[in-house]
Protein backbone atom coordinates (compact mmCIF):
# COMPACT_ATOMS: atom_id res chain seq x y z
CA MET A 1 -55.10 34.49 22.70
CA ILE A 2 -52.56 32.42 20.07
CA SER A 3 -54.70 29.69 17.63
CA SER A 4 -54.17 26.01 16.96
CA LYS A 5 -52.54 26.88 13.74
CA ARG A 6 -50.13 29.59 14.68
CA ALA A 7 -49.58 27.70 17.64
CA SER A 8 -48.13 24.30 16.11
CA ALA A 9 -46.23 26.67 13.39
CA LEU A 10 -44.85 28.47 16.28
CA LEU A 11 -43.65 24.90 17.73
CA MET A 12 -42.51 23.15 14.09
CA ALA A 13 -40.48 26.03 13.62
CA PRO A 14 -37.59 25.25 16.11
CA ALA A 15 -38.43 21.49 15.17
CA ALA A 16 -37.44 22.56 11.59
CA LEU A 17 -34.13 24.53 12.77
CA LEU A 18 -32.88 21.51 14.72
CA VAL A 19 -33.46 19.47 11.86
CA LEU A 20 -31.99 21.17 9.71
CA SER A 21 -28.94 22.19 12.09
CA GLY A 22 -28.93 18.24 12.43
CA CYS A 23 -28.11 18.10 8.89
CA ALA A 24 -25.03 20.87 8.26
CA LEU A 25 -23.60 18.77 11.17
CA ILE A 26 -24.20 15.26 9.24
CA GLU A 27 -22.70 17.19 5.59
CA PRO A 28 -18.66 16.92 5.23
CA ALA A 29 -16.29 19.87 6.13
CA ASP A 30 -14.77 20.66 3.07
CA THR A 31 -10.59 19.85 4.23
CA SER A 32 -9.84 19.69 0.33
CA GLU A 33 -6.25 21.57 -0.35
CA PRO A 34 -5.40 22.88 -3.70
CA PRO A 35 -3.22 20.65 -5.45
CA THR A 36 0.73 21.31 -5.18
CA ALA A 37 2.99 22.47 -7.68
CA MET A 38 4.59 18.85 -7.97
CA GLU A 39 0.54 17.62 -8.26
CA LEU A 40 0.37 19.40 -11.07
CA CYS A 41 3.48 19.37 -12.71
CA ALA A 42 2.76 15.56 -13.16
CA MET A 43 -0.71 14.11 -12.12
CA GLY A 44 -2.62 14.63 -14.69
CA HIS A 45 -0.59 13.72 -18.02
CA THR A 46 0.63 11.41 -20.41
CA TRP A 47 4.36 10.73 -19.91
CA SER A 48 6.42 8.60 -21.98
CA LEU A 49 9.77 6.97 -20.69
CA ASP A 50 13.37 7.87 -21.81
CA THR A 51 14.26 4.29 -23.53
CA ALA A 52 17.32 5.56 -24.76
CA ASP A 53 18.85 6.90 -21.02
CA LEU A 54 17.68 3.82 -19.27
CA SER A 55 19.95 1.84 -21.72
CA GLU A 56 22.67 3.54 -20.66
CA LYS A 57 21.61 3.46 -17.25
CA LEU A 58 21.34 -0.36 -17.46
CA LEU A 59 24.88 -0.99 -19.17
CA ALA A 60 26.78 1.44 -16.49
CA GLU A 61 24.94 -1.21 -13.58
CA LEU A 62 25.63 -4.56 -15.07
CA PRO A 63 28.60 -4.96 -14.21
CA SER A 64 27.77 -4.62 -10.88
CA GLU A 65 25.50 -7.90 -11.11
CA ASP A 66 28.60 -9.69 -13.09
CA VAL A 67 27.43 -9.13 -16.27
CA PRO A 68 30.23 -8.88 -18.65
CA ALA A 69 27.70 -6.11 -20.87
CA LYS A 70 28.52 -4.91 -24.38
CA ALA A 71 25.99 -2.68 -25.21
CA VAL A 72 21.74 -2.45 -24.13
CA GLU A 73 19.42 -1.58 -27.15
CA PRO A 74 16.03 -0.97 -25.92
CA SER A 75 13.13 -1.18 -28.34
CA GLY A 76 9.39 -0.18 -27.74
CA GLY A 77 8.78 1.78 -24.95
CA GLN A 78 6.22 2.14 -21.69
CA THR A 79 3.63 4.65 -21.19
CA LEU A 80 2.69 6.45 -18.09
CA THR A 81 -0.67 8.08 -17.68
CA TRP A 82 -1.33 9.45 -14.15
CA GLY A 83 -5.02 10.67 -13.56
CA SER A 84 -6.06 13.83 -11.53
CA ASP A 85 -7.20 11.58 -9.32
CA GLY A 86 -3.89 10.21 -8.65
CA ALA A 87 -4.97 7.00 -11.15
CA VAL A 88 -1.80 5.03 -12.43
CA THR A 89 -1.93 3.27 -16.01
CA ILE A 90 1.11 1.98 -17.61
CA ASP A 91 1.05 0.62 -20.99
CA SER A 92 4.41 -1.75 -22.02
CA ASP A 93 5.77 -3.04 -25.19
CA LEU A 94 9.16 -2.60 -23.90
CA VAL A 95 12.45 -4.69 -24.74
CA PHE A 96 15.55 -4.80 -23.68
CA THR A 97 18.56 -6.21 -25.89
CA ILE A 98 21.61 -6.82 -24.28
CA THR A 99 25.31 -8.03 -25.39
CA ALA A 100 27.52 -9.91 -23.60
CA GLU A 101 30.92 -11.69 -23.35
CA PRO A 102 31.10 -14.38 -20.79
CA LYS A 103 34.55 -15.28 -22.69
CA LYS A 104 36.37 -14.58 -25.38
CA ASP A 105 34.90 -15.11 -28.31
CA GLN A 106 31.76 -15.86 -27.17
CA VAL A 107 29.00 -13.43 -27.45
CA MET A 108 25.42 -13.93 -25.49
CA THR A 109 22.37 -12.13 -26.89
CA ILE A 110 19.99 -11.07 -23.19
CA THR A 111 16.58 -10.20 -23.75
CA GLN A 112 14.87 -8.68 -20.94
CA SER A 113 10.82 -7.79 -21.81
CA TYR A 114 8.33 -5.72 -20.16
CA THR A 115 4.81 -6.40 -22.00
CA GLY A 116 1.23 -5.05 -20.54
CA THR A 117 -0.60 -2.93 -18.58
CA VAL A 118 -0.39 -1.89 -15.00
CA LYS A 119 -2.85 -0.40 -12.90
CA GLY A 120 -2.98 0.94 -9.64
CA LYS A 121 -2.73 4.61 -7.25
CA ALA A 122 -0.11 6.79 -6.33
CA LEU A 123 -0.88 9.59 -4.47
CA ILE A 124 2.38 12.69 -3.98
CA ASN A 125 3.15 13.79 -0.63
CA VAL A 126 5.86 16.81 -1.22
CA ASP A 127 7.89 15.36 -3.79
CA VAL A 128 7.65 11.14 -2.81
CA ALA A 129 4.54 9.25 -4.37
CA ILE A 130 3.03 6.25 -2.52
CA PRO A 131 2.09 3.67 -4.95
CA ARG A 132 -0.62 1.11 -3.82
CA ASP A 133 -2.69 -1.86 -5.37
CA TRP A 134 -0.84 -2.06 -8.37
CA ASP A 135 -2.65 -5.13 -10.11
CA VAL A 136 -0.09 -6.84 -12.01
CA SER A 137 -2.42 -9.51 -13.77
CA ASP A 138 -2.24 -8.35 -17.25
CA TYR A 139 1.73 -7.82 -17.02
CA THR A 140 4.61 -9.38 -17.91
CA VAL A 141 8.29 -9.51 -17.93
CA GLU A 142 10.55 -12.04 -19.23
CA THR A 143 14.78 -12.92 -19.61
CA SER A 144 15.80 -15.01 -21.87
CA ALA A 145 19.32 -15.43 -23.28
CA THR A 146 20.79 -17.02 -26.53
CA ILE A 147 24.47 -18.05 -27.53
CA ALA A 148 25.10 -18.44 -31.50
CA ASP A 149 21.29 -18.81 -31.21
CA GLU A 150 21.00 -21.55 -29.08
CA PRO A 151 18.92 -20.94 -25.96
CA VAL A 152 20.69 -20.49 -22.52
CA GLU A 153 18.46 -23.18 -20.25
CA GLU A 154 20.14 -21.18 -17.19
CA LEU A 155 21.04 -17.68 -16.58
CA ALA A 156 23.87 -17.60 -14.92
CA TYR A 157 23.27 -13.75 -13.92
CA THR A 158 20.76 -11.55 -13.03
CA ILE A 159 19.05 -8.85 -14.77
CA PRO A 160 18.29 -5.80 -12.57
CA ARG A 161 14.86 -5.00 -13.11
CA SER A 162 14.07 -1.32 -14.66
CA ASP A 163 10.09 -0.93 -13.82
CA PHE A 164 8.72 -0.19 -10.36
CA ASP A 165 5.85 -1.74 -8.04
CA ASP A 166 4.14 -0.62 -5.29
CA VAL A 167 6.58 -1.91 -2.52
CA VAL A 168 8.66 1.28 -2.15
CA GLY A 169 7.72 5.16 -2.46
CA LEU A 170 8.88 6.70 -5.56
CA ILE A 171 11.08 9.98 -4.94
CA ILE A 172 10.30 12.45 -8.01
CA THR A 173 11.06 15.52 -9.44
CA CYS A 174 9.07 17.50 -12.27
CA GLU A 175 8.85 20.35 -14.12
CA ALA A 176 7.07 21.32 -17.28
CA ASP A 177 7.90 18.64 -19.69
CA VAL A 178 10.25 16.16 -17.87
CA MET A 179 9.40 14.35 -14.60
CA THR A 180 12.13 11.44 -13.25
CA VAL A 181 11.15 8.43 -10.85
CA ASN A 182 13.50 7.21 -8.65
CA PRO A 183 11.92 4.04 -6.96
CA ARG A 184 13.66 4.40 -2.96
CA GLY A 185 16.69 2.36 -2.32
CA THR A 186 17.75 1.97 -6.08
CA ASP A 187 20.25 4.48 -8.68
CA LEU A 188 18.51 3.48 -11.11
CA VAL A 189 16.11 7.35 -12.34
CA GLN A 190 13.76 6.78 -15.02
CA VAL A 191 13.54 10.00 -17.20
CA TRP A 192 9.84 10.44 -18.66
CA ALA A 193 8.46 12.97 -21.11
CA LYS A 194 5.73 14.62 -21.54
CA THR A 195 3.38 13.93 -24.05
CA SER A 196 0.13 15.15 -23.33
């Protein structure tokens, strides 16, 4: 004959197993995959924009916008910090100074400035970064122009922007200390150098 203590213990054992097995079912399965070579190269680092390279590309693109540009000079810079979790912060203090000649013997100076901080997220799928949730509340892009030091009230030209947002995917390459970023649908390829 089984004592009441042993009987209750035998009855509790299957119940305890059922509860424990239920916990195992609730626990999410580990479906994480190891980071790809592209993710290891691009994410978890800080990058600095090659502004000289971008100035040359901007100068080559301006004629397609009918801007009679003769030179583009950069000052300041842009830093992109890309966390291993996909968090992105872009700090900008960048100015492009464009010298143009709308008429003979007339010199126009156009400045396009990028200032402030952008925050968001970008996850990589093969060779495309998908940006999401861009916060541009602390970020401004301004374009102004002067002729003979007099402000131009209404600029007749459209100056292409050289930043990116979360509207389109970003085609990227990454090898060692160099990353390129090309917003889909544009010809503008940015070159970034790894700083840390």
